[in-house]
């Protein structure tokens, strides 16, 4: 209800996400009478911060001899994920679909080494988890298979 000017209003149920908030005021009886104030205030940080709680290795493919690469599934368990951005796992980006989320890392080098995995949300760099030696890459498979045969005099 209009009570006079200046008038104080209370906005409720706003998201606590730490973002700047744009506010628009308009009269319902006159939509041309409007004012928008960008970045009028900053919302408080989230009450329930984002958390990546677990990383687990899923299915791994065999080494592809044509490329000496393989694919690896990683299961990411999280809570209070950001409402925007992507889930980034070892530099590969995926749409956020809900926890637990299985992602497939592709074109990984087959070298037989242990692999550290880091998951982070692009919209919240503080929401991250690293798991060292989460899985082992398959051995290289593009070695030369040529046989020189037997050399005799």
N, C-alpha and C. Protein backbone atom coordinates (compact mmCIF):
# COMPACT_ATOMS: atom_id res chain seq x y z
N UNK A 1 0.84 -1.19 0.00
CA UNK A 1 0.00 0.00 0.00
C UNK A 1 0.89 1.25 0.00
N UNK A 2 0.40 2.26 -0.69
CA UNK A 2 1.12 3.54 -0.74
C UNK A 2 0.78 4.32 0.51
N UNK A 3 1.82 4.73 1.26
CA UNK A 3 1.60 5.46 2.51
C UNK A 3 2.13 6.88 2.45
N UNK A 4 2.85 7.23 1.42
CA UNK A 4 3.43 8.56 1.31
C UNK A 4 4.90 8.47 0.96
N UNK A 5 5.49 9.62 0.71
CA UNK A 5 6.87 9.64 0.30
C UNK A 5 7.68 10.45 1.31
N UNK A 6 8.83 10.02 1.72
CA UNK A 6 9.44 8.74 1.35
C UNK A 6 8.74 7.58 2.05
N UNK A 7 8.85 6.40 1.45
CA UNK A 7 8.21 5.21 2.01
C UNK A 7 9.25 4.11 2.12
N UNK A 8 9.27 3.44 3.24
CA UNK A 8 10.17 2.31 3.45
C UNK A 8 9.41 1.02 3.23
N UNK A 9 10.00 0.13 2.45
CA UNK A 9 9.40 -1.19 2.22
C UNK A 9 10.41 -2.24 2.65
N UNK A 10 9.90 -3.41 2.98
CA UNK A 10 10.77 -4.52 3.36
C UNK A 10 10.63 -5.62 2.33
N UNK A 11 11.76 -5.98 1.73
CA UNK A 11 11.79 -7.07 0.76
C UNK A 11 12.09 -8.36 1.53
N UNK A 12 11.33 -9.42 1.24
CA UNK A 12 11.51 -10.67 1.98
C UNK A 12 11.84 -11.83 1.04
N UNK A 13 12.33 -12.89 1.62
CA UNK A 13 12.67 -14.13 0.90
C UNK A 13 13.67 -13.91 -0.24
N UNK A 14 14.60 -13.01 -0.04
CA UNK A 14 15.65 -12.78 -1.04
C UNK A 14 16.75 -13.82 -0.85
N UNK A 15 17.39 -14.24 -1.94
CA UNK A 15 18.46 -15.25 -1.81
C UNK A 15 19.70 -14.67 -1.14
N UNK A 16 20.23 -15.39 -0.17
CA UNK A 16 21.49 -15.02 0.46
C UNK A 16 22.60 -15.66 -0.37
N UNK A 17 23.16 -14.87 -1.30
CA UNK A 17 24.16 -15.42 -2.22
C UNK A 17 25.40 -14.53 -2.37
N UNK A 18 25.46 -13.44 -1.62
CA UNK A 18 26.62 -12.55 -1.69
C UNK A 18 26.69 -11.68 -2.92
N UNK A 19 25.64 -11.69 -3.74
CA UNK A 19 25.65 -10.90 -4.98
C UNK A 19 25.06 -9.51 -4.78
N UNK A 20 25.43 -8.59 -5.70
CA UNK A 20 24.81 -7.28 -5.71
C UNK A 20 23.36 -7.42 -6.15
N UNK A 21 22.50 -6.55 -5.62
CA UNK A 21 21.07 -6.64 -5.91
C UNK A 21 20.59 -5.37 -6.60
N UNK A 22 19.94 -5.55 -7.74
CA UNK A 22 19.29 -4.45 -8.45
C UNK A 22 17.85 -4.36 -7.96
N UNK A 23 17.35 -3.15 -7.75
CA UNK A 23 15.99 -2.96 -7.24
C UNK A 23 15.24 -2.03 -8.18
N UNK A 24 14.01 -2.44 -8.53
CA UNK A 24 13.13 -1.61 -9.36
C UNK A 24 11.85 -1.33 -8.59
N UNK A 25 11.48 -0.06 -8.56
CA UNK A 25 10.20 0.34 -7.94
C UNK A 25 9.29 0.84 -9.05
N UNK A 26 8.02 0.42 -9.01
CA UNK A 26 7.05 0.82 -10.02
C UNK A 26 5.67 0.85 -9.37
N UNK A 27 4.85 1.77 -9.81
CA UNK A 27 3.47 1.81 -9.32
C UNK A 27 2.62 0.92 -10.20
N UNK A 28 1.79 0.08 -9.59
CA UNK A 28 0.94 -0.83 -10.36
C UNK A 28 -0.07 -0.07 -11.21
N UNK A 29 -0.47 1.10 -10.78
CA UNK A 29 -1.46 1.88 -11.52
C UNK A 29 -0.83 2.73 -12.64
N UNK A 30 0.51 2.82 -12.64
CA UNK A 30 1.18 3.63 -13.66
C UNK A 30 2.56 3.01 -13.94
N UNK A 31 2.60 2.06 -14.86
CA UNK A 31 3.83 1.32 -15.16
C UNK A 31 4.93 2.21 -15.74
N UNK A 32 4.58 3.40 -16.22
CA UNK A 32 5.60 4.31 -16.76
C UNK A 32 6.34 5.05 -15.65
N UNK A 33 5.80 5.01 -14.45
CA UNK A 33 6.44 5.68 -13.32
C UNK A 33 7.28 4.62 -12.60
N UNK A 34 8.56 4.54 -13.00
CA UNK A 34 9.44 3.48 -12.50
C UNK A 34 10.84 4.03 -12.26
N UNK A 35 11.56 3.36 -11.38
CA UNK A 35 12.94 3.71 -11.11
C UNK A 35 13.69 2.43 -10.78
N UNK A 36 14.84 2.24 -11.43
CA UNK A 36 15.71 1.09 -11.14
C UNK A 36 17.02 1.60 -10.59
N UNK A 37 17.45 0.97 -9.52
CA UNK A 37 18.74 1.30 -8.92
C UNK A 37 19.60 0.03 -8.94
N UNK A 38 20.62 0.03 -9.81
CA UNK A 38 21.50 -1.13 -9.92
C UNK A 38 22.45 -1.18 -8.73
N UNK A 39 22.74 -2.39 -8.27
CA UNK A 39 23.67 -2.61 -7.16
C UNK A 39 23.31 -1.77 -5.93
N UNK A 40 22.02 -1.74 -5.62
CA UNK A 40 21.57 -0.93 -4.49
C UNK A 40 22.15 -1.43 -3.17
N UNK A 41 22.26 -2.75 -3.05
CA UNK A 41 22.88 -3.33 -1.86
C UNK A 41 23.44 -4.70 -2.23
N UNK A 42 24.22 -5.24 -1.31
CA UNK A 42 24.80 -6.58 -1.51
C UNK A 42 24.13 -7.54 -0.55
N UNK A 43 23.66 -8.66 -1.10
CA UNK A 43 23.03 -9.68 -0.26
C UNK A 43 24.09 -10.31 0.64
N UNK A 44 23.69 -10.78 1.80
CA UNK A 44 24.67 -11.48 2.65
C UNK A 44 25.11 -12.79 2.00
N UNK A 45 26.23 -13.30 2.44
CA UNK A 45 26.73 -14.58 1.93
C UNK A 45 25.75 -15.69 2.29
N UNK A 46 25.84 -16.76 1.55
CA UNK A 46 24.95 -17.89 1.77
C UNK A 46 25.05 -18.40 3.21
N UNK A 47 23.90 -18.74 3.76
CA UNK A 47 23.85 -19.29 5.12
C UNK A 47 24.38 -20.72 5.14
N UNK A 48 24.11 -21.44 4.07
CA UNK A 48 24.58 -22.81 3.93
C UNK A 48 25.58 -22.81 2.79
N UNK A 49 26.86 -22.67 3.11
CA UNK A 49 27.85 -22.55 2.03
C UNK A 49 27.95 -23.82 1.19
N UNK A 50 28.34 -23.61 -0.03
CA UNK A 50 28.57 -24.71 -0.97
C UNK A 50 29.63 -25.64 -0.40
N UNK A 51 29.47 -26.93 -0.67
CA UNK A 51 30.45 -27.90 -0.20
C UNK A 51 30.54 -29.06 -1.18
N UNK A 52 31.76 -29.39 -1.61
CA UNK A 52 32.01 -30.62 -2.35
C UNK A 52 32.57 -31.59 -1.32
N UNK A 53 31.82 -32.66 -1.07
CA UNK A 53 32.16 -33.53 0.05
C UNK A 53 32.90 -34.80 -0.34
N UNK A 54 32.79 -35.23 -1.59
CA UNK A 54 33.46 -36.48 -1.97
C UNK A 54 33.70 -36.55 -3.47
N UNK A 55 34.79 -37.21 -3.82
CA UNK A 55 35.12 -37.55 -5.21
C UNK A 55 35.38 -39.05 -5.24
N UNK A 56 34.82 -39.71 -6.23
CA UNK A 56 35.03 -41.15 -6.36
C UNK A 56 35.27 -41.50 -7.81
N UNK A 57 36.15 -42.47 -8.03
CA UNK A 57 36.44 -42.93 -9.39
C UNK A 57 35.32 -43.85 -9.86
N UNK A 58 34.90 -43.64 -11.09
CA UNK A 58 33.91 -44.51 -11.72
C UNK A 58 34.57 -45.35 -12.79
N UNK A 59 33.84 -45.64 -13.83
CA UNK A 59 34.31 -46.50 -14.91
C UNK A 59 35.42 -45.84 -15.72
N UNK A 60 36.42 -46.64 -16.06
CA UNK A 60 37.54 -46.17 -16.88
C UNK A 60 37.58 -47.01 -18.16
N UNK A 61 37.82 -46.35 -19.29
CA UNK A 61 37.96 -47.10 -20.54
C UNK A 61 39.41 -47.55 -20.70
N UNK A 62 39.61 -48.50 -21.58
CA UNK A 62 40.97 -48.94 -21.91
C UNK A 62 41.64 -47.85 -22.75
N UNK A 63 42.93 -47.92 -22.84
CA UNK A 63 43.70 -46.99 -23.65
C UNK A 63 43.35 -47.17 -25.13
N UNK A 64 43.15 -46.05 -25.82
CA UNK A 64 42.89 -46.06 -27.26
C UNK A 64 44.23 -45.95 -27.97
N UNK A 65 44.69 -47.01 -28.67
CA UNK A 65 46.02 -46.97 -29.31
C UNK A 65 46.16 -45.87 -30.35
N UNK A 66 45.09 -45.46 -30.96
CA UNK A 66 45.18 -44.43 -32.00
C UNK A 66 45.56 -43.07 -31.41
N UNK A 67 45.16 -42.82 -30.16
CA UNK A 67 45.40 -41.51 -29.55
C UNK A 67 46.19 -41.58 -28.25
N UNK A 68 46.42 -42.80 -27.74
CA UNK A 68 47.07 -43.02 -26.45
C UNK A 68 46.34 -42.27 -25.33
N UNK A 69 44.99 -42.25 -25.42
CA UNK A 69 44.17 -41.59 -24.41
C UNK A 69 43.09 -42.55 -23.91
N UNK A 70 42.42 -42.13 -22.85
CA UNK A 70 41.33 -42.91 -22.27
C UNK A 70 40.32 -41.95 -21.66
N UNK A 71 39.16 -42.47 -21.22
CA UNK A 71 38.17 -41.67 -20.51
C UNK A 71 37.99 -42.24 -19.12
N UNK A 72 37.58 -41.38 -18.20
CA UNK A 72 37.41 -41.77 -16.81
C UNK A 72 36.18 -41.07 -16.24
N UNK A 73 35.29 -41.85 -15.64
CA UNK A 73 34.16 -41.26 -14.93
C UNK A 73 34.60 -40.89 -13.52
N UNK A 74 34.09 -39.75 -13.05
CA UNK A 74 34.32 -39.30 -11.67
C UNK A 74 32.97 -38.93 -11.09
N UNK A 75 32.69 -39.42 -9.89
CA UNK A 75 31.44 -39.11 -9.20
C UNK A 75 31.74 -38.01 -8.18
N UNK A 76 31.02 -36.88 -8.32
CA UNK A 76 31.22 -35.73 -7.45
C UNK A 76 29.98 -35.57 -6.57
N UNK A 77 30.19 -35.57 -5.26
CA UNK A 77 29.09 -35.39 -4.31
C UNK A 77 29.22 -34.00 -3.69
N UNK A 78 28.12 -33.24 -3.72
CA UNK A 78 28.17 -31.86 -3.24
C UNK A 78 26.83 -31.45 -2.65
N UNK A 79 26.83 -30.28 -2.00
CA UNK A 79 25.59 -29.71 -1.47
C UNK A 79 25.65 -28.19 -1.58
N UNK A 80 24.49 -27.58 -1.63
CA UNK A 80 24.35 -26.12 -1.72
C UNK A 80 25.15 -25.53 -2.87
N UNK A 81 25.07 -26.21 -4.03
CA UNK A 81 25.80 -25.76 -5.22
C UNK A 81 25.30 -24.40 -5.68
N UNK A 82 26.15 -23.64 -6.37
CA UNK A 82 25.72 -22.34 -6.90
C UNK A 82 24.60 -22.52 -7.94
N UNK A 83 23.79 -21.51 -8.10
CA UNK A 83 22.68 -21.57 -9.05
C UNK A 83 23.08 -21.26 -10.47
N UNK A 84 24.35 -21.02 -10.71
CA UNK A 84 24.82 -20.69 -12.06
C UNK A 84 26.21 -21.28 -12.23
N UNK A 85 26.72 -21.16 -13.44
CA UNK A 85 28.07 -21.61 -13.73
C UNK A 85 28.13 -23.09 -14.05
N UNK A 86 29.34 -23.65 -13.92
CA UNK A 86 29.58 -25.05 -14.27
C UNK A 86 30.31 -25.75 -13.14
N UNK A 87 30.29 -27.07 -13.21
CA UNK A 87 31.12 -27.90 -12.35
C UNK A 87 32.36 -28.23 -13.17
N UNK A 88 33.52 -27.82 -12.69
CA UNK A 88 34.77 -28.03 -13.42
C UNK A 88 35.59 -29.11 -12.71
N UNK A 89 35.94 -30.14 -13.47
CA UNK A 89 36.72 -31.25 -12.93
C UNK A 89 37.98 -31.39 -13.78
N UNK A 90 39.12 -31.18 -13.15
CA UNK A 90 40.42 -31.22 -13.83
C UNK A 90 40.42 -30.42 -15.13
N UNK A 91 39.81 -29.23 -15.06
CA UNK A 91 39.82 -28.32 -16.20
C UNK A 91 38.76 -28.57 -17.25
N UNK A 92 37.95 -29.61 -17.09
CA UNK A 92 36.85 -29.87 -18.03
C UNK A 92 35.55 -29.42 -17.38
N UNK A 93 34.70 -28.73 -18.13
CA UNK A 93 33.48 -28.12 -17.59
C UNK A 93 32.24 -28.94 -17.91
N UNK A 94 31.34 -29.01 -16.92
CA UNK A 94 30.10 -29.77 -17.06
C UNK A 94 28.94 -28.97 -16.48
N UNK A 95 27.76 -29.10 -17.09
CA UNK A 95 26.55 -28.49 -16.54
C UNK A 95 26.28 -29.09 -15.17
N UNK A 96 25.78 -28.28 -14.25
CA UNK A 96 25.46 -28.75 -12.90
C UNK A 96 24.10 -29.45 -12.98
N UNK A 97 24.06 -30.74 -12.62
CA UNK A 97 22.82 -31.51 -12.77
C UNK A 97 22.25 -32.02 -11.47
N UNK A 98 22.99 -31.96 -10.40
CA UNK A 98 22.52 -32.45 -9.11
C UNK A 98 23.46 -33.49 -8.53
N UNK A 99 23.49 -33.54 -7.22
CA UNK A 99 24.41 -34.43 -6.52
C UNK A 99 23.76 -35.75 -6.14
N UNK A 100 24.49 -36.86 -6.19
CA UNK A 100 25.84 -36.99 -6.75
C UNK A 100 25.81 -36.91 -8.27
N UNK A 101 26.83 -36.34 -8.84
CA UNK A 101 26.90 -36.13 -10.29
C UNK A 101 28.08 -36.89 -10.86
N UNK A 102 27.81 -37.68 -11.89
CA UNK A 102 28.87 -38.41 -12.58
C UNK A 102 29.26 -37.64 -13.83
N UNK A 103 30.55 -37.34 -13.95
CA UNK A 103 31.08 -36.66 -15.13
C UNK A 103 32.08 -37.58 -15.79
N UNK A 104 32.28 -37.40 -17.08
CA UNK A 104 33.23 -38.22 -17.82
C UNK A 104 34.36 -37.34 -18.36
N UNK A 105 35.54 -37.55 -17.83
CA UNK A 105 36.73 -36.84 -18.31
C UNK A 105 37.21 -37.55 -19.57
N UNK A 106 37.52 -36.77 -20.61
CA UNK A 106 37.89 -37.34 -21.90
C UNK A 106 39.30 -36.93 -22.30
N UNK A 107 39.85 -37.68 -23.25
CA UNK A 107 41.17 -37.39 -23.83
C UNK A 107 42.27 -37.28 -22.78
N UNK A 108 42.21 -38.15 -21.78
CA UNK A 108 43.25 -38.16 -20.75
C UNK A 108 44.44 -38.96 -21.26
N UNK A 109 45.67 -38.53 -20.96
CA UNK A 109 46.84 -39.25 -21.46
C UNK A 109 47.06 -40.58 -20.72
N UNK A 110 47.17 -41.64 -21.47
CA UNK A 110 47.46 -42.95 -20.88
C UNK A 110 48.95 -43.03 -20.61
N UNK A 111 49.32 -43.02 -19.32
CA UNK A 111 50.73 -43.02 -18.97
C UNK A 111 51.03 -43.88 -17.74
N UNK A 112 50.01 -44.54 -17.20
CA UNK A 112 50.22 -45.40 -16.04
C UNK A 112 50.41 -44.70 -14.72
N UNK A 113 50.26 -43.37 -14.70
CA UNK A 113 50.48 -42.60 -13.47
C UNK A 113 49.21 -42.47 -12.63
N UNK A 114 49.42 -42.21 -11.33
CA UNK A 114 48.29 -41.87 -10.47
C UNK A 114 47.79 -40.49 -10.86
N UNK A 115 46.47 -40.28 -10.72
CA UNK A 115 45.86 -39.02 -11.15
C UNK A 115 45.20 -38.32 -9.96
N UNK A 116 45.60 -37.06 -9.74
CA UNK A 116 44.94 -36.22 -8.75
C UNK A 116 43.74 -35.57 -9.43
N UNK A 117 42.63 -35.44 -8.71
CA UNK A 117 41.42 -34.85 -9.27
C UNK A 117 40.98 -33.68 -8.42
N UNK A 118 40.68 -32.55 -9.08
CA UNK A 118 40.16 -31.37 -8.41
C UNK A 118 38.82 -31.00 -9.03
N UNK A 119 37.82 -30.82 -8.19
CA UNK A 119 36.50 -30.36 -8.62
C UNK A 119 36.25 -28.99 -7.99
N UNK A 120 35.68 -28.08 -8.79
CA UNK A 120 35.39 -26.73 -8.32
C UNK A 120 34.21 -26.18 -9.11
N UNK A 121 33.41 -25.34 -8.48
CA UNK A 121 32.32 -24.68 -9.19
C UNK A 121 32.83 -23.36 -9.75
N UNK A 122 32.55 -23.11 -11.03
CA UNK A 122 33.05 -21.88 -11.68
C UNK A 122 32.49 -20.63 -11.03
N UNK A 123 31.30 -20.72 -10.46
CA UNK A 123 30.67 -19.55 -9.83
C UNK A 123 31.07 -19.38 -8.37
N UNK A 124 31.85 -20.32 -7.83
CA UNK A 124 32.27 -20.23 -6.42
C UNK A 124 33.60 -20.96 -6.27
N UNK A 125 34.68 -20.24 -6.49
CA UNK A 125 36.01 -20.85 -6.46
C UNK A 125 36.39 -21.36 -5.07
N UNK A 126 35.67 -20.93 -4.04
CA UNK A 126 35.96 -21.43 -2.69
C UNK A 126 35.33 -22.79 -2.46
N UNK A 127 34.44 -23.20 -3.36
CA UNK A 127 33.78 -24.50 -3.24
C UNK A 127 34.56 -25.50 -4.09
N UNK A 128 35.55 -26.13 -3.48
CA UNK A 128 36.47 -26.99 -4.21
C UNK A 128 36.89 -28.17 -3.35
N UNK A 129 37.31 -29.24 -4.02
CA UNK A 129 37.85 -30.40 -3.32
C UNK A 129 38.85 -31.08 -4.24
N UNK A 130 40.00 -31.47 -3.67
CA UNK A 130 41.01 -32.21 -4.40
C UNK A 130 41.19 -33.57 -3.74
N UNK A 131 41.27 -34.59 -4.56
CA UNK A 131 41.54 -35.94 -4.08
C UNK A 131 42.80 -36.45 -4.80
N UNK A 132 43.86 -36.63 -4.02
CA UNK A 132 45.12 -37.10 -4.61
C UNK A 132 45.05 -38.60 -4.89
N UNK A 133 45.64 -38.99 -6.02
CA UNK A 133 45.71 -40.40 -6.41
C UNK A 133 44.33 -41.06 -6.44
N UNK A 134 43.35 -40.37 -7.01
CA UNK A 134 41.98 -40.90 -7.04
C UNK A 134 41.89 -42.17 -7.89
N UNK A 135 42.66 -42.21 -8.98
CA UNK A 135 42.70 -43.40 -9.83
C UNK A 135 44.05 -43.44 -10.54
N UNK A 136 44.30 -44.56 -11.20
CA UNK A 136 45.54 -44.73 -11.95
C UNK A 136 45.22 -44.82 -13.44
N UNK A 137 45.92 -44.05 -14.24
CA UNK A 137 45.73 -44.08 -15.69
C UNK A 137 46.21 -45.42 -16.23
N UNK A 138 45.59 -45.91 -17.30
CA UNK A 138 46.11 -47.13 -17.92
C UNK A 138 47.50 -46.86 -18.51
N UNK A 139 48.25 -47.92 -18.69
CA UNK A 139 49.59 -47.79 -19.29
C UNK A 139 49.47 -47.32 -20.74
N UNK A 140 50.51 -46.67 -21.21
CA UNK A 140 50.56 -46.22 -22.61
C UNK A 140 50.35 -47.42 -23.53
N UNK A 141 49.67 -47.16 -24.62
CA UNK A 141 49.35 -48.26 -25.54
C UNK A 141 49.70 -47.96 -26.98
N UNK A 142 50.48 -46.91 -27.21
CA UNK A 142 50.83 -46.56 -28.58
C UNK A 142 52.28 -46.87 -28.90
N UNK A 143 52.86 -47.78 -28.12
CA UNK A 143 54.27 -48.13 -28.34
C UNK A 143 54.46 -48.78 -29.70
N UNK A 144 55.61 -48.66 -30.18
CA UNK A 144 55.93 -49.24 -31.48
C UNK A 144 55.88 -50.76 -31.38
N UNK A 145 55.13 -51.39 -32.25
CA UNK A 145 55.00 -52.83 -32.23
C UNK A 145 55.83 -53.49 -33.33
N UNK A 146 56.71 -52.72 -33.94
CA UNK A 146 57.50 -53.27 -35.05
C UNK A 146 58.50 -54.30 -34.53
N UNK A 147 58.75 -55.29 -35.33
CA UNK A 147 59.70 -56.33 -34.99
C UNK A 147 60.79 -56.29 -36.05
N UNK A 148 62.02 -56.05 -35.61
CA UNK A 148 63.12 -55.94 -36.56
C UNK A 148 63.51 -57.30 -37.15
N UNK A 149 63.06 -58.37 -36.53
CA UNK A 149 63.41 -59.69 -37.04
C UNK A 149 64.81 -60.12 -36.62
N UNK A 150 65.35 -61.06 -37.31
CA UNK A 150 66.67 -61.58 -36.99
C UNK A 150 67.65 -61.13 -38.06
N UNK A 151 68.78 -60.66 -37.62
CA UNK A 151 69.82 -60.23 -38.54
C UNK A 151 70.93 -61.26 -38.48
N UNK A 152 71.33 -61.74 -39.65
CA UNK A 152 72.43 -62.72 -39.67
C UNK A 152 73.39 -62.35 -40.79
N UNK A 153 74.61 -62.89 -40.70
CA UNK A 153 75.63 -62.64 -41.73
C UNK A 153 75.49 -63.57 -42.85
